[in-house]
C-alpha atoms as a PDB file:
ATOM      1  CA  MET A   1      -8.948 -63.616  14.990  1.00  0.00           C
ATOM      2  CA  HIS A   2      -6.426 -60.918  14.484  1.00  0.00           C
ATOM      3  CA  ALA A   3      -7.491 -57.243  14.253  1.00  0.00           C
ATOM      4  CA  ARG A   4      -6.358 -55.437  11.138  1.00  0.00           C
ATOM      5  CA  ARG A   5      -3.799 -52.716  11.560  1.00  0.00           C
ATOM      6  CA  GLY A   6      -3.100 -49.858   9.172  1.00  0.00           C
ATOM      7  CA  PHE A   7      -5.141 -48.228   6.422  1.00  0.00           C
ATOM      8  CA  THR A   8      -6.504 -49.505   3.144  1.00  0.00           C
ATOM      9  CA  LEU A   9      -5.398 -47.964  -0.111  1.00  0.00           C
ATOM     10  CA  ILE A  10      -8.831 -46.432  -0.615  1.00  0.00           C
ATOM     11  CA  GLU A  11      -8.705 -44.715   2.786  1.00  0.00           C
ATOM     12  CA  LEU A  12      -5.275 -43.239   1.969  1.00  0.00           C
ATOM     13  CA  VAL A  13      -6.458 -41.975  -1.435  1.00  0.00           C
ATOM     14  CA  VAL A  14      -9.533 -40.340   0.139  1.00  0.00           C
ATOM     15  CA  VAL A  15      -7.398 -38.573   2.767  1.00  0.00           C
ATOM     16  CA  ILE A  16      -4.929 -37.342   0.123  1.00  0.00           C
ATOM     17  CA  MET A  17      -7.782 -36.046  -2.042  1.00  0.00           C
ATOM     18  CA  LEU A  18      -9.294 -34.203   0.924  1.00  0.00           C
ATOM     19  CA  LEU A  19      -5.927 -32.611   1.695  1.00  0.00           C
ATOM     20  CA  ALA A  20      -5.572 -31.542  -1.953  1.00  0.00           C
ATOM     21  CA  VAL A  21      -9.014 -29.915  -1.946  1.00  0.00           C
ATOM     22  CA  VAL A  22      -8.349 -28.069   1.324  1.00  0.00           C
ATOM     23  CA  THR A  23      -4.959 -26.874   0.036  1.00  0.00           C
ATOM     24  CA  ALA A  24      -6.499 -25.635  -3.222  1.00  0.00           C
ATOM     25  CA  LEU A  25      -9.204 -23.729  -1.332  1.00  0.00           C
ATOM     26  CA  ALA A  26      -6.648 -22.163   1.002  1.00  0.00           C
ATOM     27  CA  ALA A  27      -4.404 -21.127  -1.915  1.00  0.00           C
ATOM     28  CA  SER A  28      -7.386 -19.574  -3.672  1.00  0.00           C
ATOM     29  CA  ALA A  29      -8.370 -17.604  -0.575  1.00  0.00           C
ATOM     30  CA  VAL A  30      -4.808 -16.348  -0.080  1.00  0.00           C
ATOM     31  CA  SER A  31      -4.426 -15.264  -3.704  1.00  0.00           C
ATOM     32  CA  ARG A  32      -7.705 -13.308  -3.524  1.00  0.00           C
ATOM     33  CA  GLY A  33      -6.500 -11.604  -0.340  1.00  0.00           C
ATOM     34  CA  LEU A  34      -3.163 -10.509  -1.785  1.00  0.00           C
ATOM     35  CA  PRO A  35      -4.395  -7.359  -3.570  1.00  0.00           C
ATOM     36  CA  GLY A  36      -5.988  -6.135  -0.335  1.00  0.00           C
ATOM     37  CA  GLN A  37      -2.848  -6.889   1.641  1.00  0.00           C
ATOM     38  CA  GLN A  38      -0.678  -5.142  -0.939  1.00  0.00           C
ATOM     39  CA  LEU A  39      -3.008  -2.144  -0.857  1.00  0.00           C
ATOM     40  CA  ARG A  40      -2.861  -1.873   2.940  1.00  0.00           C
ATOM     41  CA  ARG A  41       0.900  -2.377   2.979  1.00  0.00           C
ATOM     42  CA  ALA A  42       1.498   0.271   0.279  1.00  0.00           C
ATOM     43  CA  SER A  43      -0.775   2.771   2.059  1.00  0.00           C
ATOM     44  CA  ARG A  44       0.927   2.247   5.403  1.00  0.00           C
ATOM     45  CA  GLU A  45       4.352   2.465   3.799  1.00  0.00           C
ATOM     46  CA  ILE A  46       3.596   5.822   2.147  1.00  0.00           C
ATOM     47  CA  ALA A  47       2.112   7.201   5.392  1.00  0.00           C
ATOM     48  CA  ALA A  48       5.164   6.012   7.357  1.00  0.00           C
ATOM     49  CA  GLU A  49       7.597   7.521   4.861  1.00  0.00           C
ATOM     50  CA  LEU A  50       5.761  10.844   4.912  1.00  0.00           C
ATOM     51  CA  ARG A  51       5.969  10.841   8.722  1.00  0.00           C
ATOM     52  CA  TYR A  52       9.660   9.976   8.519  1.00  0.00           C
ATOM     53  CA  THR A  53      10.233  12.876   6.081  1.00  0.00           C
ATOM     54  CA  ARG A  54       8.501  15.264   8.489  1.00  0.00           C
ATOM     55  CA  ALA A  55      10.567  13.975  11.423  1.00  0.00           C
ATOM     56  CA  ARG A  56      13.795  14.440   9.426  1.00  0.00           C
ATOM     57  CA  ALA A  57      12.847  18.042   8.596  1.00  0.00           C
ATOM     58  CA  ILE A  58      12.268  18.793  12.279  1.00  0.00           C
ATOM     59  CA  ALA A  59      15.403  16.952  13.425  1.00  0.00           C
ATOM     60  CA  THR A  60      17.785  18.449  10.836  1.00  0.00           C
ATOM     61  CA  GLY A  61      16.299  21.949  10.795  1.00  0.00           C
ATOM     62  CA  ARG A  62      16.179  21.800   6.982  1.00  0.00           C
ATOM     63  CA  PRO A  63      13.241  21.294   4.615  1.00  0.00           C
ATOM     64  CA  GLN A  64      12.831  17.712   3.388  1.00  0.00           C
ATOM     65  CA  ALA A  65      10.846  16.434   0.408  1.00  0.00           C
ATOM     66  CA  PHE A  66       8.875  13.284  -0.341  1.00  0.00           C
ATOM     67  CA  VAL A  67       8.599  12.816  -4.112  1.00  0.00           C
ATOM     68  CA  PHE A  68       6.195  10.441  -5.850  1.00  0.00           C
ATOM     69  CA  ASP A  69       6.501   9.740  -9.593  1.00  0.00           C
ATOM     70  CA  THR A  70       3.132   8.592 -10.929  1.00  0.00           C
ATOM     71  CA  ARG A  71       4.628   7.232 -14.165  1.00  0.00           C
ATOM     72  CA  THR A  72       7.070   4.822 -12.535  1.00  0.00           C
ATOM     73  CA  ARG A  73       4.991   4.423  -9.335  1.00  0.00           C
ATOM     74  CA  ALA A  74       8.183   5.067  -7.366  1.00  0.00           C
ATOM     75  CA  TRP A  75       8.750   7.319  -4.380  1.00  0.00           C
ATOM     76  CA  ARG A  76      11.843   8.761  -2.769  1.00  0.00           C
ATOM     77  CA  GLY A  77      12.441  10.517   0.503  1.00  0.00           C
ATOM     78  CA  PRO A  78      15.314  11.813   2.626  1.00  0.00           C
ATOM     79  CA  ASP A  79      18.376   9.716   3.452  1.00  0.00           C
ATOM     80  CA  ARG A  80      18.188   7.905   0.098  1.00  0.00           C
ATOM     81  CA  ARG A  81      15.023   6.101   1.116  1.00  0.00           C
ATOM     82  CA  HIS A  82      12.989   4.902  -1.835  1.00  0.00           C
ATOM     83  CA  GLY A  83      10.364   2.382  -2.860  1.00  0.00           C
ATOM     84  CA  GLN A  84       7.695   1.499  -5.355  1.00  0.00           C
ATOM     85  CA  VAL A  85       3.952   0.909  -5.223  1.00  0.00           C
ATOM     86  CA  PRO A  86       2.947  -2.545  -6.586  1.00  0.00           C
ATOM     87  CA  ALA A  87       1.241  -2.707  -9.977  1.00  0.00           C
ATOM     88  CA  SER A  88      -1.871  -4.151  -8.306  1.00  0.00           C
ATOM     89  CA  VAL A  89      -2.458  -0.789  -6.598  1.00  0.00           C
ATOM     90  CA  ALA A  90      -3.863   2.247  -8.428  1.00  0.00           C
ATOM     91  CA  ILE A  91      -2.697   5.557  -6.971  1.00  0.00           C
ATOM     92  CA  VAL A  92      -3.652   9.187  -7.440  1.00  0.00           C
ATOM     93  CA  ALA A  93      -1.072  11.549  -5.938  1.00  0.00           C
ATOM     94  CA  THR A  94      -1.645  15.246  -5.369  1.00  0.00           C
ATOM     95  CA  GLY A  95       0.811  17.816  -4.080  1.00  0.00           C
ATOM     96  CA  ALA A  96       1.187  21.593  -4.140  1.00  0.00           C
ATOM     97  CA  ARG A  97       1.545  22.794  -7.720  1.00  0.00           C
ATOM     98  CA  SER A  98       4.448  25.097  -6.840  1.00  0.00           C
ATOM     99  CA  GLU A  99       6.474  22.094  -5.583  1.00  0.00           C
ATOM    100  CA  GLN A 100       6.108  19.810  -8.602  1.00  0.00           C
ATOM    101  CA  GLU A 101       9.321  18.757 -10.327  1.00  0.00           C
ATOM    102  CA  GLY A 102       7.545  18.084 -13.630  1.00  0.00           C
ATOM    103  CA  ASP A 103       4.640  16.227 -15.155  1.00  0.00           C
ATOM    104  CA  GLY A 104       3.710  13.084 -13.319  1.00  0.00           C
ATOM    105  CA  THR A 105       5.264  13.975  -9.958  1.00  0.00           C
ATOM    106  CA  ALA A 106       3.730  14.907  -6.652  1.00  0.00           C
ATOM    107  CA  VAL A 107       5.993  16.519  -4.061  1.00  0.00           C
ATOM    108  CA  VAL A 108       5.238  17.100  -0.400  1.00  0.00           C
ATOM    109  CA  ARG A 109       7.800  19.331   1.296  1.00  0.00           C
ATOM    110  CA  PHE A 110       8.088  19.424   5.094  1.00  0.00           C
ATOM    111  CA  PHE A 111       9.595  22.370   6.943  1.00  0.00           C
ATOM    112  CA  PRO A 112      11.671  22.475  10.167  1.00  0.00           C
ATOM    113  CA  GLU A 113       8.772  23.813  12.232  1.00  0.00           C
ATOM    114  CA  GLY A 114       6.671  20.768  11.185  1.00  0.00           C
ATOM    115  CA  ALA A 115       4.423  22.408   8.579  1.00  0.00           C
ATOM    116  CA  ALA A 116       4.183  21.063   5.026  1.00  0.00           C
ATOM    117  CA  THR A 117       3.052  22.011   1.560  1.00  0.00           C
ATOM    118  CA  GLY A 118       0.218  19.487   1.918  1.00  0.00           C
ATOM    119  CA  GLY A 119      -0.817  16.613  -0.281  1.00  0.00           C
ATOM    120  CA  ARG A 120      -3.043  13.587  -0.763  1.00  0.00           C
ATOM    121  CA  PHE A 121      -2.376  10.046  -1.938  1.00  0.00           C
ATOM    122  CA  VAL A 122      -5.400   7.860  -2.737  1.00  0.00           C
ATOM    123  CA  LEU A 123      -4.650   4.164  -3.204  1.00  0.00           C
ATOM    124  CA  ARG A 124      -7.129   1.613  -4.552  1.00  0.00           C
ATOM    125  CA  ALA A 125      -6.856  -2.021  -5.630  1.00  0.00           C
ATOM    126  CA  GLN A 126      -6.790  -2.423  -9.400  1.00  0.00           C
ATOM    127  CA  ARG A 127      -9.585  -4.822 -10.296  1.00  0.00           C
ATOM    128  CA  PRO A 128     -10.747  -5.394 -13.840  1.00  0.00           C
ATOM    129  CA  GLY A 129     -14.319  -4.471 -14.637  1.00  0.00           C
ATOM    130  CA  LYS A 130     -14.701  -1.843 -11.929  1.00  0.00           C
ATOM    131  CA  PRO A 131     -13.732   1.819 -12.329  1.00  0.00           C
ATOM    132  CA  ALA A 132     -11.142   3.010  -9.811  1.00  0.00           C
ATOM    133  CA  GLU A 133     -13.535   5.563  -8.310  1.00  0.00           C
ATOM    134  CA  ALA A 134     -16.050   2.818  -7.456  1.00  0.00           C
ATOM    135  CA  ARG A 135     -13.620   0.827  -5.332  1.00  0.00           C
ATOM    136  CA  GLY A 136     -12.796   1.446  -1.702  1.00  0.00           C
ATOM    137  CA  GLY A 137      -9.218   2.020  -0.716  1.00  0.00           C
ATOM    138  CA  TRP A 138      -6.958   4.062   1.529  1.00  0.00           C
ATOM    139  CA  GLN A 139      -6.225   7.755   1.619  1.00  0.00           C
ATOM    140  CA  VAL A 140      -3.096   9.402   3.015  1.00  0.00           C
ATOM    141  CA  ASP A 141      -3.525  13.120   3.740  1.00  0.00           C
ATOM    142  CA  VAL A 142      -0.832  15.608   4.698  1.00  0.00           C
ATOM    143  CA  GLU A 143      -2.186  18.674   6.478  1.00  0.00           C
ATOM    144  CA  TRP A 144      -0.343  21.757   5.236  1.00  0.00           C
ATOM    145  CA  LEU A 145      -0.537  23.794   8.445  1.00  0.00           C
ATOM    146  CA  THR A 146       0.602  21.157  10.924  1.00  0.00           C
ATOM    147  CA  GLY A 147       2.274  18.594   8.652  1.00  0.00           C
ATOM    148  CA  GLU A 148       0.160  15.871  10.271  1.00  0.00           C
ATOM    149  CA  VAL A 149      -0.044  12.686   8.201  1.00  0.00           C
ATOM    150  CA  ARG A 150      -3.386  10.830   8.405  1.00  0.00           C
ATOM    151  CA  LEU A 151      -4.236   7.415   6.992  1.00  0.00           C
ATOM    152  CA  SER A 152      -7.951   6.695   6.529  1.00  0.00           C
ATOM    153  CA  ARG A 153     -10.322   4.608   4.441  1.00  0.00           C
ATOM    154  CA  ALA A 154     -11.193   6.138   1.080  1.00  0.00           C
ATOM    155  CA  GLY A 155     -14.813   5.980  -0.029  1.00  0.00           C
ATOM    156  CA  GLY A 156     -16.087   3.644  -2.716  1.00  0.00           C
ATOM    157  CA  ALA A 157     -18.801   1.148  -3.443  1.00  0.00           C
END
């Protein structure tokens, strides 16, 4: 007798169905992880740009400003650097009142000696059904005396 070679149609269909299920589960897991990844990326980007603004102030010997517009969710820094926080991320930006350019803006100004006007940016994932204050997130603080930029976890349930 000859041994059969190859697969039956039923075996092929079962393998294809298993691959489809695994792919669907993986896609679901990735899509759930995206808001968290966007939150981390946005937090790190703002912290990095604040550090860059401080470094430019020290290097040029002139004050430099990082401006965040809460209405458009856009930021701008020295050397025409700019960006925008994704819509999936809620942000509360606070800067020194004397530095504000108008309603809805937070400005952090860095000085040549390294000091700053201070500020805080709290970023949280926007999830329906949960108030923003109840969600964990990331916090970017700018120390006014030293200009140090710190990124840390923000509290939440």
